[in-house]
Amino acid sequence: PLAPAVKNFTLNFTITNLQFTADMEKPSSRRFKSTEKVMYHYVSLANNALLGHSSLSIPHLLPSLGHFAYFHNRDDTGVDAMCSCRDEPSDPKFNSTTVYHELSKMTNGITKLGPYSLNSQSLYVNG
């Protein structure tokens, strides 16, 4: 059988209690790598919650390691995370609106992601 297709999409959000520094733009920097590790952890926790404790049944919704980008957003840090999910004909189709609403619920109205505070107007699911 053919391997399932992969659907790529991005998650964008702004962290209000993580001050942006210039070295966060450099994937080779220690700061980028440590922040990426933390972001991967929390986005993966959100993935597990989506798979196990929500109305979604999207398999393998995961951030693609190494595909985080950080950008200066006033005094805050913006995050772009490239994610993917399997796209099998028997699975429900990917719906960015549904993913947005589930992530909103899991982040307390888009306000908390682990130790991070989020700008409640910043979540965007593009896909």
PDB file of N, CA and C in Angstrom:
ATOM      1  N   PRO A   1       0.815  -1.189   0.000  1.00  0.00           N
ATOM      2  CA  PRO A   1       0.000   0.000   0.000  1.00  0.00           C
ATOM      3  C   PRO A   1       0.865   1.263   0.000  1.00  0.00           C
ATOM      4  N   LEU A   2       0.313   2.325  -0.528  1.00  0.00           N
ATOM      5  CA  LEU A   2       1.016   3.594  -0.573  1.00  0.00           C
ATOM      6  C   LEU A   2       1.080   4.223   0.806  1.00  0.00           C
ATOM      7  N   ALA A   3       2.158   4.947   1.057  1.00  0.00           N
ATOM      8  CA  ALA A   3       2.282   5.672   2.323  1.00  0.00           C
ATOM      9  C   ALA A   3       1.257   6.798   2.347  1.00  0.00           C
ATOM     10  N   PRO A   4       0.728   7.097   3.526  1.00  0.00           N
ATOM     11  CA  PRO A   4      -0.257   8.179   3.598  1.00  0.00           C
ATOM     12  C   PRO A   4       0.361   9.522   3.226  1.00  0.00           C
ATOM     13  N   ALA A   5      -0.445  10.367   2.633  1.00  0.00           N
ATOM     14  CA  ALA A   5       0.008  11.712   2.322  1.00  0.00           C
ATOM     15  C   ALA A   5       0.180  12.488   3.626  1.00  0.00           C
ATOM     16  N   VAL A   6       0.941  13.543   3.564  1.00  0.00           N
ATOM     17  CA  VAL A   6       1.173  14.375   4.731  1.00  0.00           C
ATOM     18  C   VAL A   6       0.618  15.760   4.454  1.00  0.00           C
ATOM     19  N   LYS A   7      -0.125  16.275   5.397  1.00  0.00           N
ATOM     20  CA  LYS A   7      -0.696  17.616   5.315  1.00  0.00           C
ATOM     21  C   LYS A   7       0.150  18.526   6.199  1.00  0.00           C
ATOM     22  N   ASN A   8       0.740  19.557   5.613  1.00  0.00           N
ATOM     23  CA  ASN A   8       1.532  20.521   6.371  1.00  0.00           C
ATOM     24  C   ASN A   8       0.695  21.748   6.689  1.00  0.00           C
ATOM     25  N   PHE A   9       0.933  22.316   7.845  1.00  0.00           N
ATOM     26  CA  PHE A   9       0.262  23.556   8.234  1.00  0.00           C
ATOM     27  C   PHE A   9       1.134  24.268   9.256  1.00  0.00           C
ATOM     28  N   THR A  10       0.823  25.523   9.522  1.00  0.00           N
ATOM     29  CA  THR A  10       1.591  26.270  10.501  1.00  0.00           C
ATOM     30  C   THR A  10       0.713  26.711  11.666  1.00  0.00           C
ATOM     31  N   LEU A  11       1.327  26.772  12.823  1.00  0.00           N
ATOM     32  CA  LEU A  11       0.727  27.375  14.011  1.00  0.00           C
ATOM     33  C   LEU A  11       1.514  28.644  14.285  1.00  0.00           C
ATOM     34  N   ASN A  12       0.823  29.737  14.480  1.00  0.00           N
ATOM     35  CA  ASN A  12       1.463  31.000  14.830  1.00  0.00           C
ATOM     36  C   ASN A  12       0.840  31.490  16.129  1.00  0.00           C
ATOM     37  N   PHE A  13       1.665  31.936  17.044  1.00  0.00           N
ATOM     38  CA  PHE A  13       1.175  32.509  18.288  1.00  0.00           C
ATOM     39  C   PHE A  13       2.256  33.399  18.877  1.00  0.00           C
ATOM     40  N   THR A  14       1.866  34.243  19.833  1.00  0.00           N
ATOM     41  CA  THR A  14       2.801  35.169  20.459  1.00  0.00           C
ATOM     42  C   THR A  14       2.874  34.888  21.949  1.00  0.00           C
ATOM     43  N   ILE A  15       4.104  34.762  22.431  1.00  0.00           N
ATOM     44  CA  ILE A  15       4.368  34.541  23.850  1.00  0.00           C
ATOM     45  C   ILE A  15       4.686  35.893  24.475  1.00  0.00           C
ATOM     46  N   THR A  16       3.934  36.256  25.495  1.00  0.00           N
ATOM     47  CA  THR A  16       4.095  37.582  26.087  1.00  0.00           C
ATOM     48  C   THR A  16       5.086  37.625  27.245  1.00  0.00           C
ATOM     49  N   ASN A  17       5.484  36.478  27.769  1.00  0.00           N
ATOM     50  CA  ASN A  17       6.445  36.483  28.875  1.00  0.00           C
ATOM     51  C   ASN A  17       7.772  35.825  28.489  1.00  0.00           C
ATOM     52  N   LEU A  18       8.115  35.894  27.213  1.00  0.00           N
ATOM     53  CA  LEU A  18       9.416  35.440  26.723  1.00  0.00           C
ATOM     54  C   LEU A  18       9.973  36.567  25.869  1.00  0.00           C
ATOM     55  N   GLN A  19      10.949  37.282  26.427  1.00  0.00           N
ATOM     56  CA  GLN A  19      11.501  38.420  25.711  1.00  0.00           C
ATOM     57  C   GLN A  19      12.337  37.935  24.533  1.00  0.00           C
ATOM     58  N   PHE A  20      12.075  38.521  23.397  1.00  0.00           N
ATOM     59  CA  PHE A  20      12.816  38.192  22.186  1.00  0.00           C
ATOM     60  C   PHE A  20      14.235  38.728  22.290  1.00  0.00           C
ATOM     61  N   THR A  21      15.195  37.912  21.870  1.00  0.00           N
ATOM     62  CA  THR A  21      16.586  38.358  21.748  1.00  0.00           C
ATOM     63  C   THR A  21      17.064  38.024  20.347  1.00  0.00           C
ATOM     64  N   ALA A  22      18.015  38.781  19.846  1.00  0.00           N
ATOM     65  CA  ALA A  22      18.478  38.637  18.460  1.00  0.00           C
ATOM     66  C   ALA A  22      18.976  37.223  18.156  1.00  0.00           C
ATOM     67  N   ASP A  23      19.570  36.544  19.139  1.00  0.00           N
ATOM     68  CA  ASP A  23      20.094  35.201  18.866  1.00  0.00           C
ATOM     69  C   ASP A  23      18.987  34.169  18.651  1.00  0.00           C
ATOM     70  N   MET A  24      17.737  34.533  18.936  1.00  0.00           N
ATOM     71  CA  MET A  24      16.626  33.614  18.670  1.00  0.00           C
ATOM     72  C   MET A  24      16.325  33.509  17.177  1.00  0.00           C
ATOM     73  N   GLU A  25      16.915  34.392  16.375  1.00  0.00           N
ATOM     74  CA  GLU A  25      16.751  34.321  14.925  1.00  0.00           C
ATOM     75  C   GLU A  25      17.764  33.379  14.278  1.00  0.00           C
ATOM     76  N   LYS A  26      18.734  32.929  15.035  1.00  0.00           N
ATOM     77  CA  LYS A  26      19.823  32.106  14.498  1.00  0.00           C
ATOM     78  C   LYS A  26      19.646  30.656  14.941  1.00  0.00           C
ATOM     79  N   PRO A  27      19.235  29.771  14.009  1.00  0.00           N
ATOM     80  CA  PRO A  27      19.012  28.362  14.382  1.00  0.00           C
ATOM     81  C   PRO A  27      20.218  27.669  15.003  1.00  0.00           C
ATOM     82  N   SER A  28      21.422  28.197  14.780  1.00  0.00           N
ATOM     83  CA  SER A  28      22.612  27.567  15.356  1.00  0.00           C
ATOM     84  C   SER A  28      22.907  28.059  16.775  1.00  0.00           C
ATOM     85  N   SER A  29      22.178  29.073  17.237  1.00  0.00           N
ATOM     86  CA  SER A  29      22.488  29.630  18.551  1.00  0.00           C
ATOM     87  C   SER A  29      21.965  28.748  19.680  1.00  0.00           C
ATOM     88  N   ARG A  30      22.620  28.854  20.809  1.00  0.00           N
ATOM     89  CA  ARG A  30      22.215  28.107  22.002  1.00  0.00           C
ATOM     90  C   ARG A  30      20.803  28.520  22.434  1.00  0.00           C
ATOM     91  N   ARG A  31      20.508  29.814  22.381  1.00  0.00           N
ATOM     92  CA  ARG A  31      19.184  30.318  22.798  1.00  0.00           C
ATOM     93  C   ARG A  31      18.081  29.764  21.899  1.00  0.00           C
ATOM     94  N   PHE A  32      18.317  29.761  20.570  1.00  0.00           N
ATOM     95  CA  PHE A  32      17.330  29.213  19.639  1.00  0.00           C
ATOM     96  C   PHE A  32      17.082  27.746  19.957  1.00  0.00           C
ATOM     97  N   LYS A  33      18.152  26.987  20.116  1.00  0.00           N
ATOM     98  CA  LYS A  33      18.019  25.549  20.346  1.00  0.00           C
ATOM     99  C   LYS A  33      17.312  25.236  21.656  1.00  0.00           C
ATOM    100  N   SER A  34      17.623  25.975  22.711  1.00  0.00           N
ATOM    101  CA  SER A  34      16.966  25.697  23.988  1.00  0.00           C
ATOM    102  C   SER A  34      15.495  26.100  23.936  1.00  0.00           C
ATOM    103  N   THR A  35      15.193  27.212  23.285  1.00  0.00           N
ATOM    104  CA  THR A  35      13.798  27.633  23.150  1.00  0.00           C
ATOM    105  C   THR A  35      13.037  26.651  22.263  1.00  0.00           C
ATOM    106  N   GLU A  36      13.675  26.185  21.202  1.00  0.00           N
ATOM    107  CA  GLU A  36      13.051  25.210  20.313  1.00  0.00           C
ATOM    108  C   GLU A  36      12.705  23.927  21.065  1.00  0.00           C
ATOM    109  N   LYS A  37      13.595  23.479  21.914  1.00  0.00           N
ATOM    110  CA  LYS A  37      13.355  22.252  22.682  1.00  0.00           C
ATOM    111  C   LYS A  37      12.125  22.417  23.577  1.00  0.00           C
ATOM    112  N   VAL A  38      12.027  23.559  24.239  1.00  0.00           N
ATOM    113  CA  VAL A  38      10.878  23.824  25.107  1.00  0.00           C
ATOM    114  C   VAL A  38       9.596  23.929  24.276  1.00  0.00           C
ATOM    115  N   MET A  39       9.657  24.657  23.170  1.00  0.00           N
ATOM    116  CA  MET A  39       8.471  24.798  22.304  1.00  0.00           C
ATOM    117  C   MET A  39       8.035  23.444  21.760  1.00  0.00           C
ATOM    118  N   TYR A  40       8.988  22.636  21.333  1.00  0.00           N
ATOM    119  CA  TYR A  40       8.659  21.304  20.820  1.00  0.00           C
ATOM    120  C   TYR A  40       7.941  20.493  21.894  1.00  0.00           C
ATOM    121  N   HIS A  41       8.430  20.581  23.113  1.00  0.00           N
ATOM    122  CA  HIS A  41       7.819  19.853  24.226  1.00  0.00           C
ATOM    123  C   HIS A  41       6.362  20.276  24.408  1.00  0.00           C
ATOM    124  N   TYR A  42       6.115  21.581  24.495  1.00  0.00           N
ATOM    125  CA  TYR A  42       4.754  22.038  24.771  1.00  0.00           C
ATOM    126  C   TYR A  42       3.822  21.863  23.585  1.00  0.00           C
ATOM    127  N   VAL A  43       4.327  22.047  22.365  1.00  0.00           N
ATOM    128  CA  VAL A  43       3.471  21.789  21.200  1.00  0.00           C
ATOM    129  C   VAL A  43       3.182  20.296  21.091  1.00  0.00           C
ATOM    130  N   SER A  44       4.148  19.454  21.458  1.00  0.00           N
ATOM    131  CA  SER A  44       3.907  18.011  21.466  1.00  0.00           C
ATOM    132  C   SER A  44       2.878  17.621  22.530  1.00  0.00           C
ATOM    133  N   LEU A  45       2.927  18.277  23.704  1.00  0.00           N
ATOM    134  CA  LEU A  45       1.901  18.027  24.724  1.00  0.00           C
ATOM    135  C   LEU A  45       0.523  18.411  24.196  1.00  0.00           C
ATOM    136  N   ALA A  46       0.452  19.526  23.481  1.00  0.00           N
ATOM    137  CA  ALA A  46      -0.817  19.934  22.885  1.00  0.00           C
ATOM    138  C   ALA A  46      -1.265  18.888  21.870  1.00  0.00           C
ATOM    139  N   ASN A  47      -0.321  18.358  21.103  1.00  0.00           N
ATOM    140  CA  ASN A  47      -0.629  17.304  20.143  1.00  0.00           C
ATOM    141  C   ASN A  47      -1.229  16.094  20.855  1.00  0.00           C
ATOM    142  N   ASN A  48      -0.596  15.661  21.952  1.00  0.00           N
ATOM    143  CA  ASN A  48      -1.098  14.497  22.681  1.00  0.00           C
ATOM    144  C   ASN A  48      -2.500  14.747  23.213  1.00  0.00           C
ATOM    145  N   ALA A  49      -2.731  15.956  23.685  1.00  0.00           N
ATOM    146  CA  ALA A  49      -4.065  16.296  24.175  1.00  0.00           C
ATOM    147  C   ALA A  49      -5.075  16.284  23.026  1.00  0.00           C
ATOM    148  N   LEU A  50      -4.676  16.798  21.867  1.00  0.00           N
ATOM    149  CA  LEU A  50      -5.577  16.785  20.708  1.00  0.00           C
ATOM    150  C   LEU A  50      -5.940  15.357  20.330  1.00  0.00           C
ATOM    151  N   LEU A  51      -4.951  14.479  20.387  1.00  0.00           N
ATOM    152  CA  LEU A  51      -5.196  13.097  19.969  1.00  0.00           C
ATOM    153  C   LEU A  51      -5.986  12.308  21.006  1.00  0.00           C
ATOM    154  N   GLY A  52      -5.752  12.584  22.299  1.00  0.00           N
ATOM    155  CA  GLY A  52      -6.342  11.739  23.307  1.00  0.00           C
ATOM    156  C   GLY A  52      -7.512  12.294  24.083  1.00  0.00           C
ATOM    157  N   HIS A  53      -7.675  13.593  24.072  1.00  0.00           N
ATOM    158  CA  HIS A  53      -8.677  14.177  24.958  1.00  0.00           C
ATOM    159  C   HIS A  53      -9.535  15.226  24.277  1.00  0.00           C
ATOM    160  N   SER A  54      -9.762  15.071  22.997  1.00  0.00           N
ATOM    161  CA  SER A  54     -10.570  16.070  22.313  1.00  0.00           C
ATOM    162  C   SER A  54     -11.464  15.382  21.296  1.00  0.00           C
ATOM    163  N   SER A  55     -12.257  16.171  20.638  1.00  0.00           N
ATOM    164  CA  SER A  55     -13.154  15.632  19.622  1.00  0.00           C
ATOM    165  C   SER A  55     -12.431  15.398  18.299  1.00  0.00           C
ATOM    166  N   LEU A  56     -11.168  15.786  18.216  1.00  0.00           N
ATOM    167  CA  LEU A  56     -10.407  15.582  16.984  1.00  0.00           C
ATOM    168  C   LEU A  56      -9.880  14.158  16.914  1.00  0.00           C
ATOM    169  N   SER A  57      -9.750  13.662  15.733  1.00  0.00           N
ATOM    170  CA  SER A  57      -9.066  12.381  15.564  1.00  0.00           C
ATOM    171  C   SER A  57      -8.102  12.507  14.403  1.00  0.00           C
ATOM    172  N   ILE A  58      -7.225  13.488  14.503  1.00  0.00           N
ATOM    173  CA  ILE A  58      -6.201  13.701  13.481  1.00  0.00           C
ATOM    174  C   ILE A  58      -4.937  12.988  13.948  1.00  0.00           C
ATOM    175  N   PRO A  59      -4.537  11.932  13.243  1.00  0.00           N
ATOM    176  CA  PRO A  59      -3.355  11.203  13.693  1.00  0.00           C
ATOM    177  C   PRO A  59      -2.059  11.947  13.387  1.00  0.00           C
ATOM    178  N   HIS A  60      -1.107  11.809  14.265  1.00  0.00           N
ATOM    179  CA  HIS A  60       0.246  12.307  14.065  1.00  0.00           C
ATOM    180  C   HIS A  60       0.323  13.791  13.749  1.00  0.00           C
ATOM    181  N   LEU A  61      -0.349  14.573  14.538  1.00  0.00           N
ATOM    182  CA  LEU A  61      -0.240  16.023  14.443  1.00  0.00           C
ATOM    183  C   LEU A  61       1.003  16.412  15.223  1.00  0.00           C
ATOM    184  N   LEU A  62       2.056  16.781  14.537  1.00  0.00           N
ATOM    185  CA  LEU A  62       3.331  17.015  15.215  1.00  0.00           C
ATOM    186  C   LEU A  62       4.066  18.212  14.635  1.00  0.00           C
ATOM    187  N   PRO A  63       4.775  18.939  15.495  1.00  0.00           N
ATOM    188  CA  PRO A  63       5.664  19.950  14.951  1.00  0.00           C
ATOM    189  C   PRO A  63       6.827  19.247  14.278  1.00  0.00           C
ATOM    190  N   SER A  64       7.245  19.751  13.154  1.00  0.00           N
ATOM    191  CA  SER A  64       8.406  19.200  12.467  1.00  0.00           C
ATOM    192  C   SER A  64       9.644  19.782  13.136  1.00  0.00           C
ATOM    193  N   LEU A  65      10.386  18.963  13.829  1.00  0.00           N
ATOM    194  CA  LEU A  65      11.543  19.434  14.577  1.00  0.00           C
ATOM    195  C   LEU A  65      12.468  20.214  13.654  1.00  0.00           C
ATOM    196  N   GLY A  66      12.891  21.360  14.113  1.00  0.00           N
ATOM    197  CA  GLY A  66      13.773  22.198  13.308  1.00  0.00           C
ATOM    198  C   GLY A  66      13.018  23.202  12.474  1.00  0.00           C
ATOM    199  N   HIS A  67      11.718  23.241  12.580  1.00  0.00           N
ATOM    200  CA  HIS A  67      10.927  24.171  11.792  1.00  0.00           C
ATOM    201  C   HIS A  67      10.179  25.157  12.677  1.00  0.00           C
ATOM    202  N   PHE A  68      10.868  25.665  13.663  1.00  0.00           N
ATOM    203  CA  PHE A  68      10.346  26.743  14.486  1.00  0.00           C
ATOM    204  C   PHE A  68      11.046  28.017  14.043  1.00  0.00           C
ATOM    205  N   ALA A  69      10.331  29.101  14.075  1.00  0.00           N
ATOM    206  CA  ALA A  69      10.934  30.410  13.813  1.00  0.00           C
ATOM    207  C   ALA A  69      10.415  31.364  14.870  1.00  0.00           C
ATOM    208  N   TYR A  70      11.286  32.241  15.319  1.00  0.00           N
ATOM    209  CA  TYR A  70      10.907  33.219  16.329  1.00  0.00           C
ATOM    210  C   TYR A  70      11.109  34.596  15.735  1.00  0.00           C
ATOM    211  N   PHE A  71      10.262  35.503  16.095  1.00  0.00           N
ATOM    212  CA  PHE A  71      10.406  36.851  15.565  1.00  0.00           C
ATOM    213  C   PHE A  71      10.026  37.865  16.622  1.00  0.00           C
ATOM    214  N   HIS A  72      10.617  39.028  16.489  1.00  0.00           N
ATOM    215  CA  HIS A  72      10.371  40.114  17.428  1.00  0.00           C
ATOM    216  C   HIS A  72       8.985  40.671  17.174  1.00  0.00           C
ATOM    217  N   ASN A  73       8.172  40.720  18.215  1.00  0.00           N
ATOM    218  CA  ASN A  73       6.818  41.239  18.119  1.00  0.00           C
ATOM    219  C   ASN A  73       6.638  42.214  19.283  1.00  0.00           C
ATOM    220  N   ARG A  74       7.099  43.438  19.086  1.00  0.00           N
ATOM    221  CA  ARG A  74       7.164  44.443  20.163  1.00  0.00           C
ATOM    222  C   ARG A  74       8.058  43.905  21.259  1.00  0.00           C
ATOM    223  N   ASP A  75       7.563  43.764  22.474  1.00  0.00           N
ATOM    224  CA  ASP A  75       8.380  43.229  23.567  1.00  0.00           C
ATOM    225  C   ASP A  75       8.211  41.726  23.720  1.00  0.00           C
ATOM    226  N   ASP A  76       7.403  41.126  22.866  1.00  0.00           N
ATOM    227  CA  ASP A  76       7.061  39.710  22.969  1.00  0.00           C
ATOM    228  C   ASP A  76       7.828  38.890  21.936  1.00  0.00           C
ATOM    229  N   THR A  77       7.603  37.585  21.974  1.00  0.00           N
ATOM    230  CA  THR A  77       8.223  36.686  21.005  1.00  0.00           C
ATOM    231  C   THR A  77       7.136  35.971  20.218  1.00  0.00           C
ATOM    232  N   GLY A  78       7.150  36.156  18.918  1.00  0.00           N
ATOM    233  CA  GLY A  78       6.235  35.433  18.049  1.00  0.00           C
ATOM    234  C   GLY A  78       6.827  34.082  17.704  1.00  0.00           C
ATOM    235  N   VAL A  79       5.967  33.087  17.545  1.00  0.00           N
ATOM    236  CA  VAL A  79       6.414  31.731  17.229  1.00  0.00           C
ATOM    237  C   VAL A  79       5.675  31.237  15.990  1.00  0.00           C
ATOM    238  N   ASP A  80       6.426  30.724  15.041  1.00  0.00           N
ATOM    239  CA  ASP A  80       5.871  30.011  13.892  1.00  0.00           C
ATOM    240  C   ASP A  80       6.331  28.571  14.020  1.00  0.00           C
ATOM    241  N   ALA A  81       5.389  27.638  14.030  1.00  0.00           N
ATOM    242  CA  ALA A  81       5.740  26.220  14.126  1.00  0.00           C
ATOM    243  C   ALA A  81       5.155  25.503  12.917  1.00  0.00           C
ATOM    244  N   MET A  82       6.017  24.884  12.126  1.00  0.00           N
ATOM    245  CA  MET A  82       5.565  24.081  11.001  1.00  0.00           C
ATOM    246  C   MET A  82       5.164  22.722  11.528  1.00  0.00           C
ATOM    247  N   CYS A  83       3.935  22.315  11.262  1.00  0.00           N
ATOM    248  CA  CYS A  83       3.411  21.045  11.763  1.00  0.00           C
ATOM    249  C   CYS A  83       2.919  20.199  10.588  1.00  0.00           C
ATOM    250  N   SER A  84       2.646  18.957  10.872  1.00  0.00           N
ATOM    251  CA  SER A  84       2.119  18.076   9.832  1.00  0.00           C
ATOM    252  C   SER A  84       1.223  17.023  10.453  1.00  0.00           C
ATOM    253  N   CYS A  85       0.360  16.465   9.626  1.00  0.00           N
ATOM    254  CA  CYS A  85      -0.467  15.347  10.060  1.00  0.00           C
ATOM    255  C   CYS A  85      -0.636  14.404   8.876  1.00  0.00           C
ATOM    256  N   ARG A  86      -0.877  13.146   9.196  1.00  0.00           N
ATOM    257  CA  ARG A  86      -1.156  12.173   8.141  1.00  0.00           C
ATOM    258  C   ARG A  86      -2.484  12.509   7.506  1.00  0.00           C
ATOM    259  N   ASP A  87      -2.572  12.291   6.222  1.00  0.00           N
ATOM    260  CA  ASP A  87      -3.801  12.592   5.499  1.00  0.00           C
ATOM    261  C   ASP A  87      -4.238  11.326   4.762  1.00  0.00           C
ATOM    262  N   GLU A  88      -4.907  10.441   5.515  1.00  0.00           N
ATOM    263  CA  GLU A  88      -5.368   9.190   4.918  1.00  0.00           C
ATOM    264  C   GLU A  88      -6.823   9.334   4.504  1.00  0.00           C
ATOM    265  N   PRO A  89      -7.211   8.688   3.414  1.00  0.00           N
ATOM    266  CA  PRO A  89      -8.592   8.809   2.938  1.00  0.00           C
ATOM    267  C   PRO A  89      -9.640   8.410   3.979  1.00  0.00           C
ATOM    268  N   SER A  90      -9.310   7.468   4.871  1.00  0.00           N
ATOM    269  CA  SER A  90     -10.276   7.004   5.861  1.00  0.00           C
ATOM    270  C   SER A  90     -10.373   7.927   7.081  1.00  0.00           C
ATOM    271  N   ASP A  91      -9.416   8.849   7.238  1.00  0.00           N
ATOM    272  CA  ASP A  91      -9.420   9.765   8.380  1.00  0.00           C
ATOM    273  C   ASP A  91     -10.284  10.985   8.083  1.00  0.00           C
ATOM    274  N   PRO A  92     -10.773  11.619   9.136  1.00  0.00           N
ATOM    275  CA  PRO A  92     -11.481  12.885   8.923  1.00  0.00           C
ATOM    276  C   PRO A  92     -10.533  13.889   8.278  1.00  0.00           C
ATOM    277  N   LYS A  93     -11.037  14.749   7.457  1.00  0.00           N
ATOM    278  CA  LYS A  93     -10.202  15.740   6.789  1.00  0.00           C
ATOM    279  C   LYS A  93      -9.715  16.780   7.790  1.00  0.00           C
ATOM    280  N   PHE A  94      -8.511  17.264   7.560  1.00  0.00           N
ATOM    281  CA  PHE A  94      -7.939  18.323   8.388  1.00  0.00           C
ATOM    282  C   PHE A  94      -8.824  19.561   8.286  1.00  0.00           C
ATOM    283  N   ASN A  95      -9.120  20.148   9.427  1.00  0.00           N
ATOM    284  CA  ASN A  95      -9.947  21.348   9.460  1.00  0.00           C
ATOM    285  C   ASN A  95      -9.262  22.351  10.381  1.00  0.00           C
ATOM    286  N   SER A  96      -8.703  23.418   9.809  1.00  0.00           N
ATOM    287  CA  SER A  96      -7.945  24.380  10.616  1.00  0.00           C
ATOM    288  C   SER A  96      -8.818  25.077  11.652  1.00  0.00           C
ATOM    289  N   THR A  97     -10.088  25.276  11.360  1.00  0.00           N
ATOM    290  CA  THR A  97     -10.991  25.909  12.327  1.00  0.00           C
ATOM    291  C   THR A  97     -11.176  25.017  13.547  1.00  0.00           C
ATOM    292  N   THR A  98     -11.335  23.720  13.328  1.00  0.00           N
ATOM    293  CA  THR A  98     -11.486  22.786  14.438  1.00  0.00           C
ATOM    294  C   THR A  98     -10.213  22.732  15.269  1.00  0.00           C
ATOM    295  N   VAL A  99      -9.058  22.685  14.610  1.00  0.00           N
ATOM    296  CA  VAL A  99      -7.785  22.671  15.335  1.00  0.00           C
ATOM    297  C   VAL A  99      -7.647  23.955  16.155  1.00  0.00           C
ATOM    298  N   TYR A 100      -7.996  25.085  15.577  1.00  0.00           N
ATOM    299  CA  TYR A 100      -7.943  26.363  16.291  1.00  0.00           C
ATOM    300  C   TYR A 100      -8.792  26.314  17.563  1.00  0.00           C
ATOM    301  N   HIS A 101     -10.040  25.859  17.437  1.00  0.00           N
ATOM    302  CA  HIS A 101     -10.936  25.826  18.595  1.00  0.00           C
ATOM    303  C   HIS A 101     -10.441  24.858  19.671  1.00  0.00           C
ATOM    304  N   GLU A 102      -9.918  23.722  19.265  1.00  0.00           N
ATOM    305  CA  GLU A 102      -9.390  22.766  20.241  1.00  0.00           C
ATOM    306  C   GLU A 102      -8.153  23.333  20.936  1.00  0.00           C
ATOM    307  N   LEU A 103      -7.259  23.965  20.184  1.00  0.00           N
ATOM    308  CA  LEU A 103      -6.076  24.574  20.792  1.00  0.00           C
ATOM    309  C   LEU A 103      -6.473  25.714  21.725  1.00  0.00           C
ATOM    310  N   SER A 104      -7.490  26.451  21.348  1.00  0.00           N
ATOM    311  CA  SER A 104      -7.989  27.526  22.201  1.00  0.00           C
ATOM    312  C   SER A 104      -8.458  26.969  23.549  1.00  0.00           C
ATOM    313  N   LYS A 105      -9.203  25.861  23.497  1.00  0.00           N
ATOM    314  CA  LYS A 105      -9.668  25.235  24.740  1.00  0.00           C
ATOM    315  C   LYS A 105      -8.493  24.737  25.580  1.00  0.00           C
ATOM    316  N   MET A 106      -7.502  24.135  24.931  1.00  0.00           N
ATOM    317  CA  MET A 106      -6.382  23.537  25.652  1.00  0.00           C
ATOM    318  C   MET A 106      -5.422  24.570  26.224  1.00  0.00           C
ATOM    319  N   THR A 107      -5.480  25.796  25.724  1.00  0.00           N
ATOM    320  CA  THR A 107      -4.585  26.844  26.208  1.00  0.00           C
ATOM    321  C   THR A 107      -5.344  27.882  27.035  1.00  0.00           C
ATOM    322  N   ASN A 108      -6.451  27.450  27.612  1.00  0.00           N
ATOM    323  CA  ASN A 108      -7.243  28.315  28.484  1.00  0.00           C
ATOM    324  C   ASN A 108      -7.617  29.619  27.779  1.00  0.00           C
ATOM    325  N   GLY A 109      -8.244  29.464  26.615  1.00  0.00           N
ATOM    326  CA  GLY A 109      -8.657  30.639  25.855  1.00  0.00           C
ATOM    327  C   GLY A 109      -7.491  31.367  25.210  1.00  0.00           C
ATOM    328  N   ILE A 110      -6.505  30.607  24.792  1.00  0.00           N
ATOM    329  CA  ILE A 110      -5.277  31.130  24.179  1.00  0.00           C
ATOM    330  C   ILE A 110      -4.572  32.084  25.146  1.00  0.00           C
ATOM    331  N   THR A 111      -4.392  31.620  26.384  1.00  0.00           N
ATOM    332  CA  THR A 111      -3.690  32.448  27.369  1.00  0.00           C
ATOM    333  C   THR A 111      -2.487  31.755  27.993  1.00  0.00           C
ATOM    334  N   LYS A 112      -2.427  30.398  27.998  1.00  0.00           N
ATOM    335  CA  LYS A 112      -1.335  29.686  28.655  1.00  0.00           C
ATOM    336  C   LYS A 112      -0.874  28.495  27.821  1.00  0.00           C
ATOM    337  N   LEU A 113       0.427  28.350  27.696  1.00  0.00           N
ATOM    338  CA  LEU A 113       1.040  27.169  27.096  1.00  0.00           C
ATOM    339  C   LEU A 113       2.194  26.798  28.010  1.00  0.00           C
ATOM    340  N   GLY A 114       1.933  25.854  28.914  1.00  0.00           N
ATOM    341  CA  GLY A 114       2.928  25.528  29.930  1.00  0.00           C
ATOM    342  C   GLY A 114       3.210  26.776  30.758  1.00  0.00           C
ATOM    343  N   PRO A 115       4.492  27.133  30.922  1.00  0.00           N
ATOM    344  CA  PRO A 115       4.831  28.314  31.723  1.00  0.00           C
ATOM    345  C   PRO A 115       4.663  29.625  30.958  1.00  0.00           C
ATOM    346  N   TYR A 116       4.309  29.540  29.706  1.00  0.00           N
ATOM    347  CA  TYR A 116       4.246  30.730  28.864  1.00  0.00           C
ATOM    348  C   TYR A 116       2.858  31.348  28.849  1.00  0.00           C
ATOM    349  N   SER A 117       2.829  32.659  28.850  1.00  0.00           N
ATOM    350  CA  SER A 117       1.589  33.412  28.672  1.00  0.00           C
ATOM    351  C   SER A 117       1.471  33.762  27.199  1.00  0.00           C
ATOM    352  N   LEU A 118       0.269  33.607  26.660  1.00  0.00           N
ATOM    353  CA  LEU A 118       0.044  33.870  25.240  1.00  0.00           C
ATOM    354  C   LEU A 118      -0.819  35.109  25.054  1.00  0.00           C
ATOM    355  N   ASN A 119      -0.583  35.801  23.957  1.00  0.00           N
ATOM    356  CA  ASN A 119      -1.474  36.870  23.544  1.00  0.00           C
ATOM    357  C   ASN A 119      -2.735  36.192  23.029  1.00  0.00           C
ATOM    358  N   SER A 120      -3.868  36.469  23.653  1.00  0.00           N
ATOM    359  CA  SER A 120      -5.091  35.740  23.344  1.00  0.00           C
ATOM    360  C   SER A 120      -5.612  35.999  21.931  1.00  0.00           C
ATOM    361  N   GLN A 121      -5.075  37.017  21.263  1.00  0.00           N
ATOM    362  CA  GLN A 121      -5.495  37.330  19.893  1.00  0.00           C
ATOM    363  C   GLN A 121      -4.493  36.817  18.854  1.00  0.00           C
ATOM    364  N   SER A 122      -3.497  36.039  19.291  1.00  0.00           N
ATOM    365  CA  SER A 122      -2.381  35.744  18.398  1.00  0.00           C
ATOM    366  C   SER A 122      -2.421  34.376  17.718  1.00  0.00           C
ATOM    367  N   LEU A 123      -3.256  33.458  18.155  1.00  0.00           N
ATOM    368  CA  LEU A 123      -3.239  32.111  17.576  1.00  0.00           C
ATOM    369  C   LEU A 123      -3.794  32.127  16.159  1.00  0.00           C
ATOM    370  N   TYR A 124      -3.041  31.507  15.256  1.00  0.00           N
ATOM    371  CA  TYR A 124      -3.463  31.386  13.868  1.00  0.00           C
ATOM    372  C   TYR A 124      -3.059  30.003  13.387  1.00  0.00           C
ATOM    373  N   VAL A 125      -3.984  29.275  12.806  1.00  0.00           N
ATOM    374  CA  VAL A 125      -3.712  27.963  12.212  1.00  0.00           C
ATOM    375  C   VAL A 125      -3.891  28.120  10.721  1.00  0.00           C
ATOM    376  N   ASN A 126      -2.823  27.923   9.973  1.00  0.00           N
ATOM    377  CA  ASN A 126      -2.847  28.103   8.533  1.00  0.00           C
ATOM    378  C   ASN A 126      -2.640  26.762   7.858  1.00  0.00           C
ATOM    379  N   GLY A 127      -3.634  26.301   7.160  1.00  0.00           N
ATOM    380  CA  GLY A 127      -3.485  25.021   6.497  1.00  0.00           C
ATOM    381  C   GLY A 127      -4.749  24.653   5.907  1.00  0.00           C
TER     382      GLY A 127
END
